[in-house]
Structures are given as C-alpha cells and as structure tokens.
Amino acid sequence: MRVEIFGKGDCINCQKAISVAKNYRHNWEYKNITYTKYFDELKLYIGDNLTADIEIPIIFINNKHVGNYTNYLQYIEDHLGGFGDSPI
C-alpha cells in the first residue's frame, strides 16, 4: 500500500498520520505543501477542490484520495481491520 500524506510541518494530525503509516509499515511519503513542488503536485491531484480551508493532512492511498487523518484511520479499519483493537 502506497500512502502519500500532504500536510504542513505544524500539523499534529499530519504527524499522527505519519506515525500510523510507520506503525502499519506502509510505503509512505510525507509531502510538505509549504513547498511549491508539493503544493503544485497536490493541485494536480485535487484541482479546484484545493481551498484555503481544506483540512490537512490530505491523504492518498495508491493514488486515490481517501481524505484526512480520520478518513485514513477508517480506511485502515475497513481494509486491514484491527485498528480499533489496540492503541497506536
């Protein structure tokens, strides 16, 4: 499973998403959108849906947008199971 986490350095949920990706040993990459190249890459993915009030992190699994941190946790539970069984 390839996970791309688009976020900002001061984002607590971004750090939590990275931690989950590490714990589940996903093939993950964090992309800080304060850098133009990652912001532009994110715009290519979501186009006009990128607004100032969008909730970060913005997470993609295998190039499919799954949503934010909470959505990522739900995706894991739905597809891998066991997320709610032990603390992360």
C-alpha atoms as a PDB file:
ATOM      1  CA  MET A   1       0.000   0.000   0.000  1.00  0.00           C
ATOM      2  CA  ARG A   2       1.449   3.360  -1.048  1.00  0.00           C
ATOM      3  CA  VAL A   3       0.431   6.281   1.169  1.00  0.00           C
ATOM      4  CA  GLU A   4       1.045   9.936   0.327  1.00  0.00           C
ATOM      5  CA  ILE A   5       0.488  12.410   3.139  1.00  0.00           C
ATOM      6  CA  PHE A   6       0.236  16.050   2.097  1.00  0.00           C
ATOM      7  CA  GLY A   7       0.447  18.446   5.019  1.00  0.00           C
ATOM      8  CA  LYS A   8       2.326  21.169   6.849  1.00  0.00           C
ATOM      9  CA  GLY A   9       5.044  20.967   9.467  1.00  0.00           C
ATOM     10  CA  ASP A  10       2.930  22.345  12.324  1.00  0.00           C
ATOM     11  CA  CYS A  11       0.046  19.916  11.721  1.00  0.00           C
ATOM     12  CA  ILE A  12      -0.491  17.493  14.601  1.00  0.00           C
ATOM     13  CA  ASN A  13      -2.761  15.227  12.548  1.00  0.00           C
ATOM     14  CA  CYS A  14      -0.089  15.079   9.852  1.00  0.00           C
ATOM     15  CA  GLN A  15       2.373  13.765  12.425  1.00  0.00           C
ATOM     16  CA  LYS A  16      -0.226  11.270  13.659  1.00  0.00           C
ATOM     17  CA  ALA A  17      -0.823  10.050  10.090  1.00  0.00           C
ATOM     18  CA  ILE A  18       2.915   9.562   9.605  1.00  0.00           C
ATOM     19  CA  SER A  19       3.047   7.612  12.848  1.00  0.00           C
ATOM     20  CA  VAL A  20       0.197   5.346  11.744  1.00  0.00           C
ATOM     21  CA  ALA A  21       1.857   4.779   8.353  1.00  0.00           C
ATOM     22  CA  LYS A  22       5.094   3.813  10.116  1.00  0.00           C
ATOM     23  CA  ASN A  23       3.323   1.521  12.577  1.00  0.00           C
ATOM     24  CA  TYR A  24       1.497  -0.290   9.776  1.00  0.00           C
ATOM     25  CA  ARG A  25       4.684  -0.362   7.709  1.00  0.00           C
ATOM     26  CA  HIS A  26       3.013   1.270   4.752  1.00  0.00           C
ATOM     27  CA  ASN A  27       5.134   2.532   1.912  1.00  0.00           C
ATOM     28  CA  TRP A  28       4.569   6.195   2.789  1.00  0.00           C
ATOM     29  CA  GLU A  29       5.809   9.626   1.824  1.00  0.00           C
ATOM     30  CA  TYR A  30       5.179  12.942   3.550  1.00  0.00           C
ATOM     31  CA  LYS A  31       4.919  15.987   1.305  1.00  0.00           C
ATOM     32  CA  ASN A  32       5.025  19.408   2.931  1.00  0.00           C
ATOM     33  CA  ILE A  33       2.715  21.667   0.921  1.00  0.00           C
ATOM     34  CA  THR A  34       4.539  24.790   2.042  1.00  0.00           C
ATOM     35  CA  TYR A  35       6.990  23.786  -0.700  1.00  0.00           C
ATOM     36  CA  THR A  36       5.785  24.805  -4.143  1.00  0.00           C
ATOM     37  CA  LYS A  37       6.562  21.483  -5.834  1.00  0.00           C
ATOM     38  CA  TYR A  38       4.357  19.556  -3.376  1.00  0.00           C
ATOM     39  CA  PHE A  39       1.612  22.167  -3.406  1.00  0.00           C
ATOM     40  CA  ASP A  40       1.560  22.030  -7.213  1.00  0.00           C
ATOM     41  CA  GLU A  41       1.517  18.219  -7.119  1.00  0.00           C
ATOM     42  CA  LEU A  42      -1.453  18.330  -4.742  1.00  0.00           C
ATOM     43  CA  LYS A  43      -3.253  20.740  -7.070  1.00  0.00           C
ATOM     44  CA  LEU A  44      -2.804  18.235  -9.896  1.00  0.00           C
ATOM     45  CA  TYR A  45      -4.456  15.567  -7.743  1.00  0.00           C
ATOM     46  CA  ILE A  46      -7.443  17.532  -6.479  1.00  0.00           C
ATOM     47  CA  GLY A  47      -7.690  20.516  -8.819  1.00  0.00           C
ATOM     48  CA  ASP A  48     -10.205  23.192  -7.944  1.00  0.00           C
ATOM     49  CA  ASN A  49     -11.150  21.414  -4.711  1.00  0.00           C
ATOM     50  CA  LEU A  50      -7.996  22.852  -3.104  1.00  0.00           C
ATOM     51  CA  THR A  51      -9.169  25.758  -0.962  1.00  0.00           C
ATOM     52  CA  ALA A  52      -7.638  27.603   1.966  1.00  0.00           C
ATOM     53  CA  ASP A  53      -9.999  25.901   4.413  1.00  0.00           C
ATOM     54  CA  ILE A  54      -9.281  22.327   3.300  1.00  0.00           C
ATOM     55  CA  GLU A  55      -8.455  20.038   6.208  1.00  0.00           C
ATOM     56  CA  ILE A  56      -4.952  18.646   6.301  1.00  0.00           C
ATOM     57  CA  PRO A  57      -3.457  16.177   6.080  1.00  0.00           C
ATOM     58  CA  ILE A  58      -4.739  15.253   2.661  1.00  0.00           C
ATOM     59  CA  ILE A  59      -4.053  11.562   2.191  1.00  0.00           C
ATOM     60  CA  PHE A  60      -3.903   9.386  -0.899  1.00  0.00           C
ATOM     61  CA  ILE A  61      -3.614   5.617  -0.924  1.00  0.00           C
ATOM     62  CA  ASN A  62      -2.439   4.076  -4.178  1.00  0.00           C
ATOM     63  CA  ASN A  63      -3.144   7.431  -5.893  1.00  0.00           C
ATOM     64  CA  LYS A  64      -6.742   7.513  -4.616  1.00  0.00           C
ATOM     65  CA  HIS A  65      -7.845  10.345  -2.339  1.00  0.00           C
ATOM     66  CA  VAL A  66      -9.077   8.910   0.969  1.00  0.00           C
ATOM     67  CA  GLY A  67      -9.428  12.181   2.874  1.00  0.00           C
ATOM     68  CA  ASN A  68      -7.931  13.418   6.123  1.00  0.00           C
ATOM     69  CA  TYR A  69      -6.399  11.662   9.142  1.00  0.00           C
ATOM     70  CA  THR A  70      -9.735  10.350  10.426  1.00  0.00           C
ATOM     71  CA  ASN A  71     -10.596   9.012   6.968  1.00  0.00           C
ATOM     72  CA  TYR A  72      -7.194   7.300   6.824  1.00  0.00           C
ATOM     73  CA  LEU A  73      -7.904   5.519  10.112  1.00  0.00           C
ATOM     74  CA  GLN A  74     -11.301   4.446   8.807  1.00  0.00           C
ATOM     75  CA  TYR A  75      -9.733   3.190   5.578  1.00  0.00           C
ATOM     76  CA  ILE A  76      -7.304   1.063   7.582  1.00  0.00           C
ATOM     77  CA  GLU A  77     -10.116  -0.365   9.696  1.00  0.00           C
ATOM     78  CA  ASP A  78     -12.266  -1.086   6.632  1.00  0.00           C
ATOM     79  CA  HIS A  79      -9.496  -2.662   4.551  1.00  0.00           C
ATOM     80  CA  LEU A  80      -6.989  -4.084   7.012  1.00  0.00           C
ATOM     81  CA  GLY A  81      -9.011  -4.416  10.209  1.00  0.00           C
ATOM     82  CA  GLY A  82      -7.770  -4.328  13.738  1.00  0.00           C
ATOM     83  CA  PHE A  83      -7.140  -0.603  14.035  1.00  0.00           C
ATOM     84  CA  GLY A  84      -9.560  -0.214  16.934  1.00  0.00           C
ATOM     85  CA  ASP A  85      -8.161  -3.265  18.726  1.00  0.00           C
ATOM     86  CA  SER A  86      -5.044  -1.641  20.144  1.00  0.00           C
ATOM     87  CA  PRO A  87      -3.770   1.882  20.728  1.00  0.00           C
ATOM     88  CA  ILE A  88      -1.373   3.455  18.274  1.00  0.00           C
END
